[in-house]
Amino acid sequence: MSGIEIGALTILVSSMVWYLKYQTKRQAIREDKQDKERKEEIVFIRGLVTNDMKELHKDSVKNAELNKDGIVLLKDVNSNQGKLCKLIESIDRRINGREK
């Protein structure tokens, strides 16, 4: 082999080594960027789930409070039902009595 052939072969091998290093470095950068994006997406999704769970808890607490209020109202209505019936009958008699 002559000196020119050795020089050309050295340049070719050096170019291939440089290209391989360059592509490896770019691939590592791409993977780092993708990992960062995946982590950000996971954090975002976790935030959504956490917020949804908080809202669900708030809704269930509010629902429990409303149920308690509803039970109290039903108890009041049931305890006063006889009085309400008498009141309605009295009102009905008065209305019908006036109409006659």
PDB file of N, CA and C in Angstrom:
ATOM      1  N   MET A   1       0.842  -1.174   0.000  1.00  0.00           N
ATOM      2  CA  MET A   1       0.000   0.000   0.000  1.00  0.00           C
ATOM      3  C   MET A   1       0.887   1.238   0.000  1.00  0.00           C
ATOM      4  N   SER A   2       0.450   2.164  -0.773  1.00  0.00           N
ATOM      5  CA  SER A   2       1.226   3.396  -0.854  1.00  0.00           C
ATOM      6  C   SER A   2       0.755   4.363   0.221  1.00  0.00           C
ATOM      7  N   GLY A   3       1.489   5.404   0.380  1.00  0.00           N
ATOM      8  CA  GLY A   3       1.175   6.407   1.391  1.00  0.00           C
ATOM      9  C   GLY A   3      -0.165   7.088   1.130  1.00  0.00           C
ATOM     10  N   ILE A   4      -0.500   7.282  -0.138  1.00  0.00           N
ATOM     11  CA  ILE A   4      -1.772   7.927  -0.480  1.00  0.00           C
ATOM     12  C   ILE A   4      -2.933   7.026  -0.090  1.00  0.00           C
ATOM     13  N   GLU A   5      -2.794   5.730  -0.375  1.00  0.00           N
ATOM     14  CA  GLU A   5      -3.862   4.788  -0.020  1.00  0.00           C
ATOM     15  C   GLU A   5      -4.046   4.720   1.493  1.00  0.00           C
ATOM     16  N   ILE A   6      -2.938   4.706   2.222  1.00  0.00           N
ATOM     17  CA  ILE A   6      -3.009   4.664   3.687  1.00  0.00           C
ATOM     18  C   ILE A   6      -3.647   5.952   4.206  1.00  0.00           C
ATOM     19  N   GLY A   7      -3.273   7.077   3.632  1.00  0.00           N
ATOM     20  CA  GLY A   7      -3.859   8.358   4.033  1.00  0.00           C
ATOM     21  C   GLY A   7      -5.358   8.399   3.754  1.00  0.00           C
ATOM     22  N   ALA A   8      -5.752   7.923   2.565  1.00  0.00           N
ATOM     23  CA  ALA A   8      -7.177   7.907   2.206  1.00  0.00           C
ATOM     24  C   ALA A   8      -7.947   6.971   3.125  1.00  0.00           C
ATOM     25  N   LEU A   9      -7.361   5.808   3.415  1.00  0.00           N
ATOM     26  CA  LEU A   9      -8.008   4.846   4.309  1.00  0.00           C
ATOM     27  C   LEU A   9      -8.124   5.422   5.717  1.00  0.00           C
ATOM     28  N   THR A  10      -7.086   6.123   6.167  1.00  0.00           N
ATOM     29  CA  THR A  10      -7.113   6.753   7.491  1.00  0.00           C
ATOM     30  C   THR A  10      -8.210   7.813   7.550  1.00  0.00           C
ATOM     31  N   ILE A  11      -8.316   8.618   6.503  1.00  0.00           N
ATOM     32  CA  ILE A  11      -9.365   9.646   6.460  1.00  0.00           C
ATOM     33  C   ILE A  11     -10.748   8.995   6.454  1.00  0.00           C
ATOM     34  N   LEU A  12     -10.913   7.936   5.675  1.00  0.00           N
ATOM     35  CA  LEU A  12     -12.198   7.240   5.606  1.00  0.00           C
ATOM     36  C   LEU A  12     -12.581   6.649   6.960  1.00  0.00           C
ATOM     37  N   VAL A  13     -11.662   5.972   7.606  1.00  0.00           N
ATOM     38  CA  VAL A  13     -11.929   5.374   8.919  1.00  0.00           C
ATOM     39  C   VAL A  13     -12.196   6.474   9.941  1.00  0.00           C
ATOM     40  N   SER A  14     -11.410   7.539   9.901  1.00  0.00           N
ATOM     41  CA  SER A  14     -11.621   8.653  10.831  1.00  0.00           C
ATOM     42  C   SER A  14     -12.998   9.275  10.623  1.00  0.00           C
ATOM     43  N   SER A  15     -13.384   9.429   9.362  1.00  0.00           N
ATOM     44  CA  SER A  15     -14.710   9.981   9.058  1.00  0.00           C
ATOM     45  C   SER A  15     -15.813   9.073   9.591  1.00  0.00           C
ATOM     46  N   MET A  16     -15.653   7.788   9.422  1.00  0.00           N
ATOM     47  CA  MET A  16     -16.659   6.839   9.911  1.00  0.00           C
ATOM     48  C   MET A  16     -16.746   6.870  11.435  1.00  0.00           C
ATOM     49  N   VAL A  17     -15.609   6.944  12.096  1.00  0.00           N
ATOM     50  CA  VAL A  17     -15.596   7.010  13.562  1.00  0.00           C
ATOM     51  C   VAL A  17     -16.260   8.301  14.019  1.00  0.00           C
ATOM     52  N   TRP A  18     -15.921   9.427  13.371  1.00  0.00           N
ATOM     53  CA  TRP A  18     -16.535  10.701  13.743  1.00  0.00           C
ATOM     54  C   TRP A  18     -18.048  10.653  13.537  1.00  0.00           C
ATOM     55  N   TYR A  19     -18.499  10.104  12.392  1.00  0.00           N
ATOM     56  CA  TYR A  19     -19.927  10.020  12.091  1.00  0.00           C
ATOM     57  C   TYR A  19     -20.649   9.143  13.113  1.00  0.00           C
ATOM     58  N   LEU A  20     -20.036   8.045  13.486  1.00  0.00           N
ATOM     59  CA  LEU A  20     -20.629   7.155  14.483  1.00  0.00           C
ATOM     60  C   LEU A  20     -20.756   7.867  15.826  1.00  0.00           C
ATOM     61  N   LYS A  21     -19.716   8.586  16.247  1.00  0.00           N
ATOM     62  CA  LYS A  21     -19.772   9.346  17.504  1.00  0.00           C
ATOM     63  C   LYS A  21     -20.848  10.428  17.426  1.00  0.00           C
ATOM     64  N   TYR A  22     -20.904  11.125  16.288  1.00  0.00           N
ATOM     65  CA  TYR A  22     -21.876  12.197  16.097  1.00  0.00           C
ATOM     66  C   TYR A  22     -23.305  11.656  16.187  1.00  0.00           C
ATOM     67  N   GLN A  23     -23.567  10.561  15.481  1.00  0.00           N
ATOM     68  CA  GLN A  23     -24.915   9.979  15.495  1.00  0.00           C
ATOM     69  C   GLN A  23     -25.282   9.443  16.883  1.00  0.00           C
ATOM     70  N   THR A  24     -24.321   8.854  17.573  1.00  0.00           N
ATOM     71  CA  THR A  24     -24.567   8.351  18.926  1.00  0.00           C
ATOM     72  C   THR A  24     -24.914   9.500  19.861  1.00  0.00           C
ATOM     73  N   LYS A  25     -24.172  10.596  19.729  1.00  0.00           N
ATOM     74  CA  LYS A  25     -24.438  11.768  20.571  1.00  0.00           C
ATOM     75  C   LYS A  25     -25.819  12.347  20.267  1.00  0.00           C
ATOM     76  N   ARG A  26     -26.173  12.464  18.989  1.00  0.00           N
ATOM     77  CA  ARG A  26     -27.495  12.987  18.615  1.00  0.00           C
ATOM     78  C   ARG A  26     -28.611  12.072  19.110  1.00  0.00           C
ATOM     79  N   GLN A  27     -28.398  10.762  19.029  1.00  0.00           N
ATOM     80  CA  GLN A  27     -29.404   9.814  19.520  1.00  0.00           C
ATOM     81  C   GLN A  27     -29.587   9.967  21.027  1.00  0.00           C
ATOM     82  N   ALA A  28     -28.494  10.150  21.740  1.00  0.00           N
ATOM     83  CA  ALA A  28     -28.576  10.344  23.193  1.00  0.00           C
ATOM     84  C   ALA A  28     -29.348  11.622  23.518  1.00  0.00           C
ATOM     85  N   ILE A  29     -29.106  12.683  22.744  1.00  0.00           N
ATOM     86  CA  ILE A  29     -29.828  13.945  22.952  1.00  0.00           C
ATOM     87  C   ILE A  29     -31.323  13.747  22.688  1.00  0.00           C
ATOM     88  N   ARG A  30     -31.654  13.034  21.595  1.00  0.00           N
ATOM     89  CA  ARG A  30     -33.064  12.767  21.282  1.00  0.00           C
ATOM     90  C   ARG A  30     -33.738  11.965  22.392  1.00  0.00           C
ATOM     91  N   GLU A  31     -33.041  10.943  22.890  1.00  0.00           N
ATOM     92  CA  GLU A  31     -33.604  10.119  23.962  1.00  0.00           C
ATOM     93  C   GLU A  31     -33.795  10.925  25.241  1.00  0.00           C
ATOM     94  N   ASP A  32     -32.829  11.791  25.546  1.00  0.00           N
ATOM     95  CA  ASP A  32     -32.975  12.648  26.731  1.00  0.00           C
ATOM     96  C   ASP A  32     -34.189  13.567  26.591  1.00  0.00           C
ATOM     97  N   LYS A  33     -34.358  14.127  25.394  1.00  0.00           N
ATOM     98  CA  LYS A  33     -35.500  15.007  25.150  1.00  0.00           C
ATOM     99  C   LYS A  33     -36.813  14.228  25.283  1.00  0.00           C
ATOM    100  N   GLN A  34     -36.858  13.022  24.718  1.00  0.00           N
ATOM    101  CA  GLN A  34     -38.067  12.200  24.820  1.00  0.00           C
ATOM    102  C   GLN A  34     -38.348  11.810  26.268  1.00  0.00           C
ATOM    103  N   ASP A  35     -37.297  11.472  27.009  1.00  0.00           N
ATOM    104  CA  ASP A  35     -37.477  11.135  28.427  1.00  0.00           C
ATOM    105  C   ASP A  35     -38.036  12.322  29.201  1.00  0.00           C
ATOM    106  N   LYS A  36     -37.502  13.503  28.917  1.00  0.00           N
ATOM    107  CA  LYS A  36     -37.979  14.709  29.595  1.00  0.00           C
ATOM    108  C   LYS A  36     -39.450  14.957  29.270  1.00  0.00           C
ATOM    109  N   GLU A  37     -39.817  14.811  27.989  1.00  0.00           N
ATOM    110  CA  GLU A  37     -41.212  15.009  27.591  1.00  0.00           C
ATOM    111  C   GLU A  37     -42.122  13.977  28.243  1.00  0.00           C
ATOM    112  N   ARG A  38     -41.668  12.718  28.307  1.00  0.00           N
ATOM    113  CA  ARG A  38     -42.466  11.671  28.964  1.00  0.00           C
ATOM    114  C   ARG A  38     -42.671  11.980  30.436  1.00  0.00           C
ATOM    115  N   LYS A  39     -41.598  12.423  31.099  1.00  0.00           N
ATOM    116  CA  LYS A  39     -41.707  12.760  32.521  1.00  0.00           C
ATOM    117  C   LYS A  39     -42.673  13.916  32.733  1.00  0.00           C
ATOM    118  N   GLU A  40     -42.597  14.938  31.878  1.00  0.00           N
ATOM    119  CA  GLU A  40     -43.518  16.070  31.990  1.00  0.00           C
ATOM    120  C   GLU A  40     -44.958  15.617  31.772  1.00  0.00           C
ATOM    121  N   GLU A  41     -45.160  14.724  30.818  1.00  0.00           N
ATOM    122  CA  GLU A  41     -46.508  14.213  30.551  1.00  0.00           C
ATOM    123  C   GLU A  41     -47.034  13.408  31.736  1.00  0.00           C
ATOM    124  N   ILE A  42     -46.171  12.596  32.327  1.00  0.00           N
ATOM    125  CA  ILE A  42     -46.573  11.808  33.495  1.00  0.00           C
ATOM    126  C   ILE A  42     -46.926  12.723  34.658  1.00  0.00           C
ATOM    127  N   VAL A  43     -46.112  13.751  34.875  1.00  0.00           N
ATOM    128  CA  VAL A  43     -46.398  14.706  35.957  1.00  0.00           C
ATOM    129  C   VAL A  43     -47.724  15.409  35.688  1.00  0.00           C
ATOM    130  N   PHE A  44     -47.968  15.793  34.445  1.00  0.00           N
ATOM    131  CA  PHE A  44     -49.221  16.453  34.086  1.00  0.00           C
ATOM    132  C   PHE A  44     -50.411  15.532  34.334  1.00  0.00           C
ATOM    133  N   ILE A  45     -50.302  14.287  33.902  1.00  0.00           N
ATOM    134  CA  ILE A  45     -51.395  13.324  34.093  1.00  0.00           C
ATOM    135  C   ILE A  45     -51.621  13.067  35.577  1.00  0.00           C
ATOM    136  N   ARG A  46     -50.545  12.927  36.328  1.00  0.00           N
ATOM    137  CA  ARG A  46     -50.696  12.739  37.777  1.00  0.00           C
ATOM    138  C   ARG A  46     -51.400  13.934  38.406  1.00  0.00           C
ATOM    139  N   GLY A  47     -51.059  15.127  37.934  1.00  0.00           N
ATOM    140  CA  GLY A  47     -51.721  16.327  38.439  1.00  0.00           C
ATOM    141  C   GLY A  47     -53.209  16.310  38.137  1.00  0.00           C
ATOM    142  N   LEU A  48     -53.560  15.885  36.911  1.00  0.00           N
ATOM    143  CA  LEU A  48     -54.977  15.790  36.563  1.00  0.00           C
ATOM    144  C   LEU A  48     -55.697  14.788  37.449  1.00  0.00           C
ATOM    145  N   VAL A  49     -55.076  13.629  37.628  1.00  0.00           N
ATOM    146  CA  VAL A  49     -55.697  12.590  38.451  1.00  0.00           C
ATOM    147  C   VAL A  49     -55.830  13.071  39.888  1.00  0.00           C
ATOM    148  N   THR A  50     -54.787  13.704  40.404  1.00  0.00           N
ATOM    149  CA  THR A  50     -54.835  14.201  41.783  1.00  0.00           C
ATOM    150  C   THR A  50     -55.938  15.243  41.933  1.00  0.00           C
ATOM    151  N   ASN A  51     -56.022  16.171  40.978  1.00  0.00           N
ATOM    152  CA  ASN A  51     -57.071  17.191  41.037  1.00  0.00           C
ATOM    153  C   ASN A  51     -58.454  16.566  40.922  1.00  0.00           C
ATOM    154  N   ASP A  52     -58.591  15.570  40.038  1.00  0.00           N
ATOM    155  CA  ASP A  52     -59.880  14.892  39.904  1.00  0.00           C
ATOM    156  C   ASP A  52     -60.264  14.194  41.194  1.00  0.00           C
ATOM    157  N   MET A  53     -59.273  13.571  41.837  1.00  0.00           N
ATOM    158  CA  MET A  53     -59.564  12.884  43.099  1.00  0.00           C
ATOM    159  C   MET A  53     -59.960  13.889  44.175  1.00  0.00           C
ATOM    160  N   LYS A  54     -59.290  15.046  44.198  1.00  0.00           N
ATOM    161  CA  LYS A  54     -59.652  16.083  45.168  1.00  0.00           C
ATOM    162  C   LYS A  54     -61.074  16.570  44.918  1.00  0.00           C
ATOM    163  N   GLU A  55     -61.399  16.807  43.647  1.00  0.00           N
ATOM    164  CA  GLU A  55     -62.749  17.265  43.311  1.00  0.00           C
ATOM    165  C   GLU A  55     -63.779  16.193  43.643  1.00  0.00           C
ATOM    166  N   LEU A  56     -63.440  14.944  43.389  1.00  0.00           N
ATOM    167  CA  LEU A  56     -64.349  13.850  43.719  1.00  0.00           C
ATOM    168  C   LEU A  56     -64.592  13.798  45.217  1.00  0.00           C
ATOM    169  N   HIS A  57     -63.538  13.993  45.993  1.00  0.00           N
ATOM    170  CA  HIS A  57     -63.681  13.998  47.450  1.00  0.00           C
ATOM    171  C   HIS A  57     -64.565  15.168  47.890  1.00  0.00           C
ATOM    172  N   LYS A  58     -64.316  16.355  47.313  1.00  0.00           N
ATOM    173  CA  LYS A  58     -65.140  17.516  47.654  1.00  0.00           C
ATOM    174  C   LYS A  58     -66.606  17.252  47.315  1.00  0.00           C
ATOM    175  N   ASP A  59     -66.826  16.656  46.134  1.00  0.00           N
ATOM    176  CA  ASP A  59     -68.197  16.362  45.721  1.00  0.00           C
ATOM    177  C   ASP A  59     -68.857  15.360  46.654  1.00  0.00           C
ATOM    178  N   SER A  60     -68.110  14.345  47.069  1.00  0.00           N
ATOM    179  CA  SER A  60     -68.697  13.344  47.962  1.00  0.00           C
ATOM    180  C   SER A  60     -69.000  13.936  49.331  1.00  0.00           C
ATOM    181  N   VAL A  61     -68.135  14.833  49.814  1.00  0.00           N
ATOM    182  CA  VAL A  61     -68.399  15.499  51.095  1.00  0.00           C
ATOM    183  C   VAL A  61     -69.642  16.377  50.967  1.00  0.00           C
ATOM    184  N   LYS A  62     -69.736  17.123  49.873  1.00  0.00           N
ATOM    185  CA  LYS A  62     -70.906  17.980  49.639  1.00  0.00           C
ATOM    186  C   LYS A  62     -72.166  17.123  49.526  1.00  0.00           C
ATOM    187  N   ASN A  63     -72.065  15.995  48.842  1.00  0.00           N
ATOM    188  CA  ASN A  63     -73.198  15.088  48.691  1.00  0.00           C
ATOM    189  C   ASN A  63     -73.640  14.550  50.046  1.00  0.00           C
ATOM    190  N   ALA A  64     -72.686  14.202  50.891  1.00  0.00           N
ATOM    191  CA  ALA A  64     -73.022  13.710  52.229  1.00  0.00           C
ATOM    192  C   ALA A  64     -73.742  14.788  53.030  1.00  0.00           C
ATOM    193  N   GLU A  65     -73.282  16.031  52.932  1.00  0.00           N
ATOM    194  CA  GLU A  65     -73.940  17.137  53.634  1.00  0.00           C
ATOM    195  C   GLU A  65     -75.368  17.331  53.122  1.00  0.00           C
ATOM    196  N   LEU A  66     -75.531  17.282  51.805  1.00  0.00           N
ATOM    197  CA  LEU A  66     -76.868  17.443  51.236  1.00  0.00           C
ATOM    198  C   LEU A  66     -77.788  16.293  51.644  1.00  0.00           C
ATOM    199  N   ASN A  67     -77.234  15.083  51.701  1.00  0.00           N
ATOM    200  CA  ASN A  67     -78.035  13.941  52.143  1.00  0.00           C
ATOM    201  C   ASN A  67     -78.496  14.128  53.578  1.00  0.00           C
ATOM    202  N   LYS A  68     -77.597  14.615  54.438  1.00  0.00           N
ATOM    203  CA  LYS A  68     -77.979  14.871  55.835  1.00  0.00           C
ATOM    204  C   LYS A  68     -79.097  15.903  55.896  1.00  0.00           C
ATOM    205  N   ASP A  69     -78.947  16.983  55.120  1.00  0.00           N
ATOM    206  CA  ASP A  69     -79.984  18.017  55.096  1.00  0.00           C
ATOM    207  C   ASP A  69     -81.310  17.449  54.595  1.00  0.00           C
ATOM    208  N   GLY A  70     -81.239  16.609  53.580  1.00  0.00           N
ATOM    209  CA  GLY A  70     -82.455  15.992  53.049  1.00  0.00           C
ATOM    210  C   GLY A  70     -83.131  15.099  54.076  1.00  0.00           C
ATOM    211  N   ILE A  71     -82.345  14.351  54.828  1.00  0.00           N
ATOM    212  CA  ILE A  71     -82.902  13.480  55.863  1.00  0.00           C
ATOM    213  C   ILE A  71     -83.577  14.312  56.940  1.00  0.00           C
ATOM    214  N   VAL A  72     -82.939  15.403  57.335  1.00  0.00           N
ATOM    215  CA  VAL A  72     -83.537  16.289  58.345  1.00  0.00           C
ATOM    216  C   VAL A  72     -84.863  16.845  57.832  1.00  0.00           C
ATOM    217  N   LEU A  73     -84.895  17.284  56.575  1.00  0.00           N
ATOM    218  CA  LEU A  73     -86.136  17.814  56.004  1.00  0.00           C
ATOM    219  C   LEU A  73     -87.223  16.749  55.941  1.00  0.00           C
ATOM    220  N   LEU A  74     -86.854  15.535  55.541  1.00  0.00           N
ATOM    221  CA  LEU A  74     -87.840  14.453  55.490  1.00  0.00           C
ATOM    222  C   LEU A  74     -88.390  14.139  56.870  1.00  0.00           C
ATOM    223  N   LYS A  75     -87.525  14.154  57.876  1.00  0.00           N
ATOM    224  CA  LYS A  75     -87.989  13.916  59.246  1.00  0.00           C
ATOM    225  C   LYS A  75     -88.953  15.011  59.668  1.00  0.00           C
ATOM    226  N   ASP A  76     -88.624  16.261  59.331  1.00  0.00           N
ATOM    227  CA  ASP A  76     -89.520  17.373  59.660  1.00  0.00           C
ATOM    228  C   ASP A  76     -90.863  17.216  58.960  1.00  0.00           C
ATOM    229  N   VAL A  77     -90.825  16.870  57.686  1.00  0.00           N
ATOM    230  CA  VAL A  77     -92.069  16.693  56.932  1.00  0.00           C
ATOM    231  C   VAL A  77     -92.882  15.549  57.523  1.00  0.00           C
ATOM    232  N   ASN A  78     -92.219  14.425  57.820  1.00  0.00           N
ATOM    233  CA  ASN A  78     -92.932  13.274  58.379  1.00  0.00           C
ATOM    234  C   ASN A  78     -93.509  13.588  59.748  1.00  0.00           C
ATOM    235  N   SER A  79     -92.771  14.317  60.569  1.00  0.00           N
ATOM    236  CA  SER A  79     -93.269  14.624  61.912  1.00  0.00           C
ATOM    237  C   SER A  79     -94.408  15.637  61.862  1.00  0.00           C
ATOM    238  N   ASN A  80     -94.411  16.484  60.851  1.00  0.00           N
ATOM    239  CA  ASN A  80     -95.451  17.506  60.738  1.00  0.00           C
ATOM    240  C   ASN A  80     -96.512  17.153  59.704  1.00  0.00           C
ATOM    241  N   GLN A  81     -96.491  15.931  59.211  1.00  0.00           N
ATOM    242  CA  GLN A  81     -97.408  15.555  58.141  1.00  0.00           C
ATOM    243  C   GLN A  81     -98.862  15.643  58.596  1.00  0.00           C
ATOM    244  N   GLY A  82     -99.141  15.189  59.820  1.00  0.00           N
ATOM    245  CA  GLY A  82    -100.506  15.278  60.334  1.00  0.00           C
ATOM    246  C   GLY A  82    -100.968  16.716  60.419  1.00  0.00           C
ATOM    247  N   LYS A  83    -100.089  17.576  60.906  1.00  0.00           N
ATOM    248  CA  LYS A  83    -100.428  18.996  61.007  1.00  0.00           C
ATOM    249  C   LYS A  83    -100.654  19.595  59.623  1.00  0.00           C
ATOM    250  N   LEU A  84     -99.807  19.191  58.665  1.00  0.00           N
ATOM    251  CA  LEU A  84     -99.948  19.709  57.309  1.00  0.00           C
ATOM    252  C   LEU A  84    -101.265  19.260  56.690  1.00  0.00           C
ATOM    253  N   CYS A  85    -101.646  18.004  56.933  1.00  0.00           N
ATOM    254  CA  CYS A  85    -102.912  17.507  56.387  1.00  0.00           C
ATOM    255  C   CYS A  85    -104.081  18.301  56.958  1.00  0.00           C
ATOM    256  N   LYS A  86    -104.041  18.537  58.265  1.00  0.00           N
ATOM    257  CA  LYS A  86    -105.116  19.314  58.895  1.00  0.00           C
ATOM    258  C   LYS A  86    -105.143  20.734  58.344  1.00  0.00           C
ATOM    259  N   LEU A  87    -103.966  21.321  58.151  1.00  0.00           N
ATOM    260  CA  LEU A  87    -103.894  22.673  57.608  1.00  0.00           C
ATOM    261  C   LEU A  87    -104.456  22.717  56.193  1.00  0.00           C
ATOM    262  N   ILE A  88    -104.107  21.737  55.388  1.00  0.00           N
ATOM    263  CA  ILE A  88    -104.600  21.682  54.008  1.00  0.00           C
ATOM    264  C   ILE A  88    -106.115  21.507  54.001  1.00  0.00           C
ATOM    265  N   GLU A  89    -106.613  20.616  54.871  1.00  0.00           N
ATOM    266  CA  GLU A  89    -108.067  20.417  54.952  1.00  0.00           C
ATOM    267  C   GLU A  89    -108.759  21.702  55.385  1.00  0.00           C
ATOM    268  N   SER A  90    -108.173  22.396  56.349  1.00  0.00           N
ATOM    269  CA  SER A  90    -108.749  23.656  56.822  1.00  0.00           C
ATOM    270  C   SER A  90    -108.782  24.691  55.705  1.00  0.00           C
ATOM    271  N   ILE A  91    -107.686  24.791  54.970  1.00  0.00           N
ATOM    272  CA  ILE A  91    -107.621  25.737  53.850  1.00  0.00           C
ATOM    273  C   ILE A  91    -108.649  25.351  52.795  1.00  0.00           C
ATOM    274  N   ASP A  92    -108.752  24.053  52.531  1.00  0.00           N
ATOM    275  CA  ASP A  92    -109.704  23.570  51.538  1.00  0.00           C
ATOM    276  C   ASP A  92    -111.138  23.906  51.955  1.00  0.00           C
ATOM    277  N   ARG A  93    -111.453  23.678  53.226  1.00  0.00           N
ATOM    278  CA  ARG A  93    -112.801  23.993  53.719  1.00  0.00           C
ATOM    279  C   ARG A  93    -113.090  25.486  53.589  1.00  0.00           C
ATOM    280  N   ARG A  94    -112.108  26.292  53.923  1.00  0.00           N
ATOM    281  CA  ARG A  94    -112.313  27.744  53.832  1.00  0.00           C
ATOM    282  C   ARG A  94    -112.540  28.178  52.392  1.00  0.00           C
ATOM    283  N   ILE A  95    -111.731  27.619  51.493  1.00  0.00           N
ATOM    284  CA  ILE A  95    -111.881  27.979  50.077  1.00  0.00           C
ATOM    285  C   ILE A  95    -113.229  27.499  49.561  1.00  0.00           C
ATOM    286  N   ASN A  96    -113.560  26.263  49.860  1.00  0.00           N
ATOM    287  CA  ASN A  96    -114.830  25.714  49.383  1.00  0.00           C
ATOM    288  C   ASN A  96    -116.009  26.386  50.073  1.00  0.00           C
ATOM    289  N   GLY A  97    -115.825  26.752  51.344  1.00  0.00           N
ATOM    290  CA  GLY A  97    -116.902  27.433  52.062  1.00  0.00           C
ATOM    291  C   GLY A  97    -117.177  28.796  51.476  1.00  0.00           C
ATOM    292  N   ARG A  98    -116.176  29.478  51.038  1.00  0.00           N
ATOM    293  CA  ARG A  98    -116.344  30.811  50.452  1.00  0.00           C
ATOM    294  C   ARG A  98    -116.974  30.711  49.074  1.00  0.00           C
ATOM    295  N   GLU A  99    -116.639  29.631  48.366  1.00  0.00           N
ATOM    296  CA  GLU A  99    -117.175  29.479  47.016  1.00  0.00           C
ATOM    297  C   GLU A  99    -118.661  29.153  47.043  1.00  0.00           C
ATOM    298  N   LYS A 100    -119.117  28.470  48.079  1.00  0.00           N
ATOM    299  CA  LYS A 100    -120.530  28.087  48.158  1.00  0.00           C
ATOM    300  C   LYS A 100    -121.324  29.263  48.452  1.00  0.00           C
TER     301      LYS A 100
END
